[in-house]
Amino acid sequence: MARPKHRDGLNTGPNSPDRVGEVILSHFTLDRQSGLPLYLQIAHELMYLIETGVLRDGDAPPSLRRLAKQLRISFLTVDKAYKWLQSRGVLATRRGIGWRVTLIREYSDQDAREQLRLTKFVDETLVAAIELGLDAMAFARTAVHRATALEQRVPPRKLAFVECHSEFVDDYVVELRKELSEFNVEIRGMLTESLADIMNKKCADGDFLNRADYVLTTFYHSGFVQQAVSQLNRRVIALTLSLNKEALYKIVSLPRNQRVGAILGPTDPAPTIVKSLEYYRDVPPGSIPYAIVTDSAAVNRLRAKTDSLAYTIPCQARVSSFLKKNETAILLRFGPAEEDIRKVQALLGSSSRRASVPLLT
């Protein structure tokens, strides 16, 4: 789900928190009618700003008192939000420095050097093939054929995908298996709530996680998952929460005059989902209201002022129970974005080059 990176053009860096804070505050909105606690709205909003690049690794979020004053809420509410993010490994604080964003680094310098080395080798090999009078495309096709055969001799790489909703896990695993079918890879889905048990007990999922090459999760859970599997020394890859094509088509196909509202689960990342809907509907920030499905009053208020509803899988049973024939409702399903797929493909390609396999005969 491609979204604009609002940070571009700010002309500021990690050591310029004031300017970043101004941008954050200018876009910050709370929905007091949604039923979602204010501290979670603040936490989810900051997660969205980190995911979209407004806040980067090492940046300082707005101070507790500044954000509380701007939003006209209690200092303790903001403090609770920041500590919630701290518990998930997204924010950290030290005496004399204050709060800072802490992110998992996706690419190492070694990865960059290896990619450059690979590109140089491919270029030199193609030049040598042409100098020998070989057709470049025929050479490339043969190389792909031999590489595919070689790939089958590499022990299957193992990818564990972790999310909080079983339905999200199923959707991501299905999409990852489809997009990574060219690789000899085994993918298994797991729930965040079961990670502690998996890590401490002998079971099939625990054994798989111990032998996994990479652990995948959505950006929203990346800090938590990184902490949970830290003793395994496994690389955690954060993926975008991206609308699948079917849901995206339905959203953009709604008439322009349709008033759209969203019904979300208590643990859904509300700002990420709502702002993505606003982006694809091409409406100003704050135009699409939302309600938490467990708050019946908030849901009723939302239905009274909207024409169409968008809802996530955790809300499906509740929405089905009250939906009328004349109401338009769109089920939002998610999967990895195209750039996420390319990232994982690059990692698998890199790991296969390092694997020890017998030569083809």
Protein backbone atom coordinates (compact mmCIF):
# COMPACT_ATOMS: atom_id res chain seq x y z
CA MET A 1 0.00 0.00 0.00
CA ALA A 2 2.03 2.96 -1.25
CA ARG A 3 1.62 6.12 0.75
CA PRO A 4 3.44 9.47 0.46
CA LYS A 5 6.45 9.96 2.68
CA HIS A 6 5.54 13.22 4.40
CA ARG A 7 9.08 13.73 5.69
CA ASP A 8 10.47 14.58 2.24
CA GLY A 9 11.31 18.22 1.83
CA LEU A 10 11.54 19.05 5.52
CA ASN A 11 15.28 19.74 5.33
CA THR A 12 15.77 18.40 8.80
CA GLY A 13 17.61 15.49 10.34
CA PRO A 14 17.58 13.39 13.46
CA ASN A 15 19.10 16.25 15.44
CA SER A 16 16.30 18.68 14.54
CA PRO A 17 13.37 17.52 16.66
CA ASP A 18 11.61 20.89 16.81
CA ARG A 19 10.87 21.00 13.08
CA VAL A 20 9.78 17.37 13.05
CA GLY A 21 7.59 18.06 16.08
CA GLU A 22 5.85 20.93 14.26
CA VAL A 23 4.99 18.64 11.34
CA ILE A 24 3.70 15.95 13.70
CA LEU A 25 1.53 18.37 15.64
CA SER A 26 0.10 19.91 12.48
CA HIS A 27 -1.21 16.51 11.32
CA PHE A 28 -2.19 15.05 14.69
CA THR A 29 -5.90 14.28 15.20
CA LEU A 30 -7.88 12.46 17.90
CA ASP A 31 -11.36 11.02 17.49
CA ARG A 32 -13.09 11.21 20.85
CA GLN A 33 -16.20 9.49 19.48
CA SER A 34 -14.43 6.36 18.21
CA GLY A 35 -14.40 4.36 21.43
CA LEU A 36 -10.63 3.82 21.22
CA PRO A 37 -8.79 5.03 24.37
CA LEU A 38 -6.96 8.30 23.80
CA TYR A 39 -3.58 6.93 24.84
CA LEU A 40 -3.87 4.19 22.17
CA GLN A 41 -4.89 6.76 19.55
CA ILE A 42 -1.73 8.72 20.37
CA ALA A 43 0.41 5.57 20.26
CA HIS A 44 -1.10 4.41 16.96
CA GLU A 45 -0.68 7.87 15.47
CA LEU A 46 3.02 7.91 16.33
CA MET A 47 3.42 4.39 14.91
CA TYR A 48 1.89 5.62 11.65
CA LEU A 49 4.26 8.61 11.56
CA ILE A 50 7.23 6.29 12.07
CA GLU A 51 6.00 3.85 9.41
CA THR A 52 5.56 6.62 6.82
CA GLY A 53 8.97 8.17 7.53
CA VAL A 54 7.90 11.38 9.27
CA LEU A 55 9.72 10.14 12.37
CA ARG A 56 12.93 8.22 11.84
CA ASP A 57 15.37 6.24 13.93
CA GLY A 58 16.84 8.55 16.57
CA ASP A 59 14.24 11.30 16.14
CA ALA A 60 12.56 12.81 19.18
CA PRO A 61 8.75 12.77 19.29
CA PRO A 62 7.04 15.85 20.75
CA SER A 63 7.63 16.30 24.46
CA LEU A 64 4.95 14.93 26.77
CA ARG A 65 3.82 18.37 27.94
CA ARG A 66 3.89 19.90 24.47
CA LEU A 67 1.76 17.13 22.98
CA ALA A 68 -0.63 17.18 25.95
CA LYS A 69 -1.08 20.93 25.59
CA GLN A 70 -1.60 20.73 21.83
CA LEU A 71 -4.21 17.96 22.13
CA ARG A 72 -5.78 19.43 25.28
CA ILE A 73 -5.47 16.21 27.21
CA SER A 74 -3.80 15.09 30.41
CA PHE A 75 -0.02 14.84 30.59
CA LEU A 76 -0.52 11.38 32.09
CA THR A 77 -2.42 10.21 28.97
CA VAL A 78 0.54 11.09 26.74
CA ASP A 79 2.93 9.51 29.24
CA LYS A 80 0.88 6.29 29.13
CA ALA A 81 1.02 6.29 25.31
CA TYR A 82 4.80 6.73 25.26
CA LYS A 83 5.31 3.98 27.84
CA TRP A 84 3.06 1.68 25.78
CA LEU A 85 5.31 2.31 22.78
CA GLN A 86 8.37 1.78 24.98
CA SER A 87 7.04 -1.64 25.99
CA ARG A 88 6.85 -2.56 22.29
CA GLY A 89 10.41 -1.45 21.56
CA VAL A 90 9.39 1.55 19.44
CA LEU A 91 10.45 4.36 21.80
CA ALA A 92 13.25 4.51 24.36
CA THR A 93 14.21 7.11 26.94
CA ARG A 94 17.43 7.97 28.78
CA ARG A 95 18.14 10.55 31.44
CA GLY A 96 19.30 13.80 29.90
CA ILE A 97 18.29 12.78 26.36
CA GLY A 98 14.55 12.15 26.54
CA TRP A 99 12.39 10.02 24.28
CA ARG A 100 13.80 8.78 20.98
CA VAL A 101 12.55 6.51 18.19
CA THR A 102 14.27 3.13 18.12
CA LEU A 103 13.90 1.11 14.93
CA ILE A 104 15.10 -2.21 13.63
CA ARG A 105 17.65 -1.63 10.89
CA GLU A 106 16.46 -3.44 7.79
CA TYR A 107 19.65 -3.39 5.74
CA SER A 108 23.24 -3.65 6.92
CA ASP A 109 26.36 -2.27 5.28
CA GLN A 110 27.30 -5.87 4.53
CA ASP A 111 24.07 -6.30 2.54
CA ALA A 112 24.87 -3.21 0.47
CA ARG A 113 28.44 -4.36 -0.22
CA GLU A 114 27.22 -7.83 -1.21
CA GLN A 115 24.68 -6.36 -3.64
CA LEU A 116 27.39 -4.24 -5.29
CA ARG A 117 29.68 -7.28 -5.51
CA LEU A 118 26.92 -9.33 -7.13
CA THR A 119 26.12 -6.62 -9.70
CA LYS A 120 29.81 -6.32 -10.62
CA PHE A 121 30.14 -10.10 -11.02
CA VAL A 122 27.04 -10.33 -13.25
CA ASP A 123 28.29 -7.50 -15.47
CA GLU A 124 31.75 -9.07 -15.83
CA THR A 125 30.28 -12.50 -16.58
CA LEU A 126 27.95 -11.13 -19.28
CA VAL A 127 30.83 -9.25 -20.92
CA ALA A 128 32.92 -12.46 -20.92
CA ALA A 129 30.04 -14.43 -22.47
CA ILE A 130 29.59 -11.88 -25.25
CA GLU A 131 33.34 -11.85 -25.94
CA LEU A 132 33.13 -15.64 -26.41
CA GLY A 133 30.46 -15.11 -29.05
CA LEU A 134 27.54 -16.26 -26.89
CA ASP A 135 24.09 -14.72 -27.14
CA ALA A 136 23.52 -12.65 -23.99
CA MET A 137 19.82 -13.55 -23.59
CA ALA A 138 20.44 -17.26 -24.26
CA PHE A 139 23.20 -17.16 -21.66
CA ALA A 140 20.85 -15.47 -19.17
CA ARG A 141 18.07 -18.03 -19.77
CA THR A 142 20.51 -20.90 -19.25
CA ALA A 143 21.80 -19.27 -16.06
CA VAL A 144 18.23 -18.94 -14.73
CA HIS A 145 17.49 -22.58 -15.60
CA ARG A 146 20.62 -23.84 -13.85
CA ALA A 147 20.03 -21.55 -10.87
CA THR A 148 16.49 -22.89 -10.49
CA ALA A 149 17.79 -26.45 -10.46
CA LEU A 150 20.48 -25.49 -7.97
CA GLU A 151 17.87 -23.80 -5.77
CA GLN A 152 16.08 -27.14 -5.33
CA ARG A 153 19.25 -28.59 -3.76
CA VAL A 154 19.39 -25.89 -1.11
CA PRO A 155 17.65 -26.90 2.14
CA PRO A 156 14.33 -25.02 2.35
CA ARG A 157 14.67 -21.59 3.95
CA LYS A 158 12.19 -21.07 6.75
CA LEU A 159 10.16 -17.90 7.25
CA ALA A 160 7.98 -17.34 10.32
CA PHE A 161 5.28 -14.68 10.00
CA VAL A 162 3.90 -13.27 13.26
CA GLU A 163 0.76 -11.13 13.70
CA CYS A 164 -1.92 -10.58 16.33
CA HIS A 165 -4.97 -11.68 14.28
CA SER A 166 -5.24 -15.21 12.91
CA GLU A 167 -7.04 -13.84 9.84
CA PHE A 168 -4.17 -11.42 9.11
CA VAL A 169 -1.71 -14.29 9.54
CA ASP A 170 -3.63 -16.43 7.05
CA ASP A 171 -3.86 -13.63 4.45
CA TYR A 172 -0.15 -12.76 4.67
CA VAL A 173 1.01 -16.37 4.59
CA VAL A 174 -1.10 -17.14 1.50
CA GLU A 175 0.24 -14.07 -0.31
CA LEU A 176 3.85 -14.72 0.71
CA ARG A 177 3.65 -18.33 -0.48
CA LYS A 178 2.29 -17.19 -3.83
CA GLU A 179 4.82 -14.42 -4.37
CA LEU A 180 7.82 -16.49 -3.18
CA SER A 181 6.89 -19.67 -5.08
CA GLU A 182 10.10 -19.46 -7.15
CA PHE A 183 12.14 -20.06 -3.99
CA ASN A 184 12.55 -23.26 -2.03
CA VAL A 185 10.98 -21.81 1.10
CA GLU A 186 8.72 -22.94 3.92
CA ILE A 187 6.44 -20.34 5.55
CA ARG A 188 4.53 -20.72 8.80
CA GLY A 189 2.21 -18.25 10.52
CA MET A 190 2.13 -17.61 14.27
CA LEU A 191 0.24 -15.33 16.66
CA THR A 192 1.97 -12.69 18.78
CA GLU A 193 0.06 -13.79 21.87
CA SER A 194 1.47 -17.31 21.59
CA LEU A 195 5.12 -16.29 21.15
CA ALA A 196 5.96 -16.62 24.85
CA ASP A 197 4.57 -20.17 25.00
CA ILE A 198 6.25 -21.11 21.73
CA MET A 199 9.61 -19.89 22.99
CA ASN A 200 9.36 -21.76 26.31
CA LYS A 201 7.83 -25.06 25.25
CA LYS A 202 8.82 -27.89 22.97
CA CYS A 203 6.34 -27.80 20.09
CA ALA A 204 6.24 -27.77 16.31
CA ASP A 205 5.99 -23.96 16.11
CA GLY A 206 8.79 -23.54 18.63
CA ASP A 207 11.05 -25.87 16.66
CA PHE A 208 10.23 -24.03 13.44
CA LEU A 209 10.92 -20.64 15.03
CA ASN A 210 14.26 -21.87 16.37
CA ARG A 211 15.30 -22.92 12.86
CA ALA A 212 13.75 -19.98 10.98
CA ASP A 213 16.06 -17.95 8.74
CA TYR A 214 13.94 -14.82 9.11
CA VAL A 215 11.03 -13.72 11.27
CA LEU A 216 8.50 -11.52 9.46
CA THR A 217 5.87 -9.33 11.05
CA THR A 218 4.01 -6.10 10.36
CA PHE A 219 5.72 -2.84 11.24
CA TYR A 220 3.18 -2.30 14.00
CA HIS A 221 4.45 -5.36 15.90
CA SER A 222 8.12 -5.25 14.87
CA GLY A 223 9.47 -3.92 18.17
CA PHE A 224 7.51 -6.42 20.24
CA VAL A 225 8.51 -9.36 18.04
CA GLN A 226 12.16 -8.26 18.02
CA GLN A 227 12.19 -8.33 21.81
CA ALA A 228 10.35 -11.66 21.98
CA VAL A 229 12.79 -13.50 19.70
CA SER A 230 15.96 -11.64 20.70
CA GLN A 231 17.45 -14.72 22.41
CA LEU A 232 17.25 -16.60 19.09
CA ASN A 233 19.38 -13.98 17.33
CA ARG A 234 17.04 -14.03 14.33
CA ARG A 235 16.64 -11.15 11.93
CA VAL A 236 13.18 -9.55 12.12
CA ILE A 237 11.78 -8.07 8.90
CA ALA A 238 9.00 -5.47 9.22
CA LEU A 239 6.32 -5.49 6.51
CA THR A 240 3.77 -2.84 5.63
CA LEU A 241 0.09 -3.28 6.49
CA SER A 242 -1.11 -3.03 2.90
CA LEU A 243 -4.66 -3.21 1.53
CA ASN A 244 -5.07 -6.07 -0.89
CA LYS A 245 -6.10 -5.32 -4.47
CA GLU A 246 -9.73 -6.39 -4.11
CA ALA A 247 -10.38 -4.14 -1.10
CA LEU A 248 -8.46 -1.28 -2.71
CA TYR A 249 -10.54 -1.50 -5.89
CA LYS A 250 -13.80 -1.39 -3.93
CA ILE A 251 -12.66 1.63 -1.91
CA VAL A 252 -11.63 3.71 -4.90
CA SER A 253 -14.75 2.67 -6.84
CA LEU A 254 -17.19 4.16 -4.34
CA PRO A 255 -18.96 7.31 -5.61
CA ARG A 256 -17.24 10.53 -4.56
CA ASN A 257 -20.28 11.67 -2.58
CA GLN A 258 -20.35 8.50 -0.46
CA ARG A 259 -19.58 9.15 3.21
CA VAL A 260 -17.25 6.37 4.31
CA GLY A 261 -16.65 5.25 7.89
CA ALA A 262 -14.44 2.51 9.30
CA ILE A 263 -15.22 -0.09 11.98
CA LEU A 264 -12.04 -1.46 13.53
CA GLY A 265 -11.00 -3.96 16.16
CA PRO A 266 -9.53 -2.82 19.50
CA THR A 267 -6.01 -3.85 18.47
CA ASP A 268 -6.15 -2.64 14.85
CA PRO A 269 -3.68 0.20 14.03
CA ALA A 270 -6.43 2.77 13.46
CA PRO A 271 -4.38 5.70 12.03
CA THR A 272 -2.57 3.46 9.53
CA ILE A 273 -5.84 2.02 8.22
CA VAL A 274 -7.92 5.21 8.29
CA LYS A 275 -5.27 7.42 6.70
CA SER A 276 -4.73 4.85 3.98
CA LEU A 277 -8.46 4.96 3.25
CA GLU A 278 -8.32 8.76 3.15
CA TYR A 279 -5.34 8.63 0.82
CA TYR A 280 -7.04 6.33 -1.68
CA ARG A 281 -10.36 8.17 -1.38
CA ASP A 282 -8.42 11.40 -1.99
CA VAL A 283 -10.05 13.21 0.94
CA PRO A 284 -8.46 15.49 3.58
CA PRO A 285 -7.06 14.02 6.82
CA GLY A 286 -9.77 13.52 9.41
CA SER A 287 -12.51 13.07 6.79
CA ILE A 288 -13.13 9.39 7.49
CA PRO A 289 -14.45 8.71 11.01
CA TYR A 290 -14.03 5.36 12.69
CA ALA A 291 -15.43 3.38 15.61
CA ILE A 292 -14.14 0.49 17.67
CA VAL A 293 -16.41 -2.50 17.18
CA THR A 294 -16.70 -3.25 20.90
CA ASP A 295 -18.21 0.20 21.58
CA SER A 296 -21.84 -0.15 20.46
CA ALA A 297 -22.62 3.55 21.01
CA ALA A 298 -19.66 4.62 18.85
CA VAL A 299 -20.68 2.16 16.12
CA ASN A 300 -24.26 3.49 16.12
CA ARG A 301 -23.06 7.09 15.88
CA LEU A 302 -20.80 6.13 12.97
CA ARG A 303 -23.57 4.36 11.08
CA ALA A 304 -25.87 7.36 11.51
CA LYS A 305 -23.48 9.73 9.71
CA THR A 306 -22.03 7.49 6.96
CA ASP A 307 -23.29 5.81 3.79
CA SER A 308 -20.66 3.06 3.48
CA LEU A 309 -18.68 1.07 6.01
CA ALA A 310 -15.20 -0.40 5.75
CA TYR A 311 -14.32 -3.00 8.36
CA THR A 312 -11.53 -5.40 9.24
CA ILE A 313 -11.79 -9.18 9.62
CA PRO A 314 -11.89 -9.13 13.45
CA CYS A 315 -15.12 -7.11 13.14
CA GLN A 316 -16.77 -9.35 10.55
CA ALA A 317 -19.14 -11.26 12.86
CA ARG A 318 -20.31 -8.11 14.65
CA VAL A 319 -20.83 -6.16 11.39
CA SER A 320 -22.73 -9.06 9.83
CA SER A 321 -25.11 -9.08 12.80
CA PHE A 322 -26.36 -5.51 12.28
CA LEU A 323 -25.75 -4.85 8.57
CA LYS A 324 -28.91 -4.04 6.64
CA LYS A 325 -29.59 -4.86 3.00
CA ASN A 326 -29.30 -1.24 1.88
CA GLU A 327 -25.98 -0.66 3.67
CA THR A 328 -22.72 -0.86 1.72
CA ALA A 329 -19.91 -2.59 3.58
CA ILE A 330 -16.38 -3.40 2.40
CA LEU A 331 -14.24 -6.01 4.10
CA LEU A 332 -10.66 -4.77 4.41
CA ARG A 333 -8.07 -7.48 3.93
CA PHE A 334 -4.32 -6.96 4.03
CA GLY A 335 -1.13 -8.40 2.67
CA PRO A 336 2.51 -7.48 2.01
CA ALA A 337 3.20 -4.56 -0.32
CA GLU A 338 5.16 -5.06 -3.54
CA GLU A 339 8.27 -3.42 -2.06
CA ASP A 340 8.04 -5.84 0.88
CA ILE A 341 7.96 -8.81 -1.49
CA ARG A 342 11.02 -7.49 -3.33
CA LYS A 343 12.82 -7.04 -0.01
CA VAL A 344 12.16 -10.63 1.05
CA GLN A 345 13.09 -11.94 -2.41
CA ALA A 346 16.42 -10.10 -2.19
CA LEU A 347 17.11 -11.58 1.24
CA LEU A 348 16.30 -15.10 0.06
CA GLY A 349 18.48 -14.65 -3.00
CA SER A 350 21.33 -13.47 -0.79
CA SER A 351 21.00 -16.38 1.65
CA SER A 352 20.90 -18.94 -1.18
CA ARG A 353 24.23 -17.63 -2.50
CA ARG A 354 25.80 -18.24 0.92
CA ALA A 355 24.39 -21.78 1.23
CA SER A 356 26.67 -24.75 0.70
CA VAL A 357 25.20 -27.04 -1.98
CA PRO A 358 26.61 -29.76 -4.24
CA LEU A 359 27.49 -28.78 -7.78
CA LEU A 360 25.14 -29.73 -10.59
CA THR A 361 26.27 -32.49 -12.92
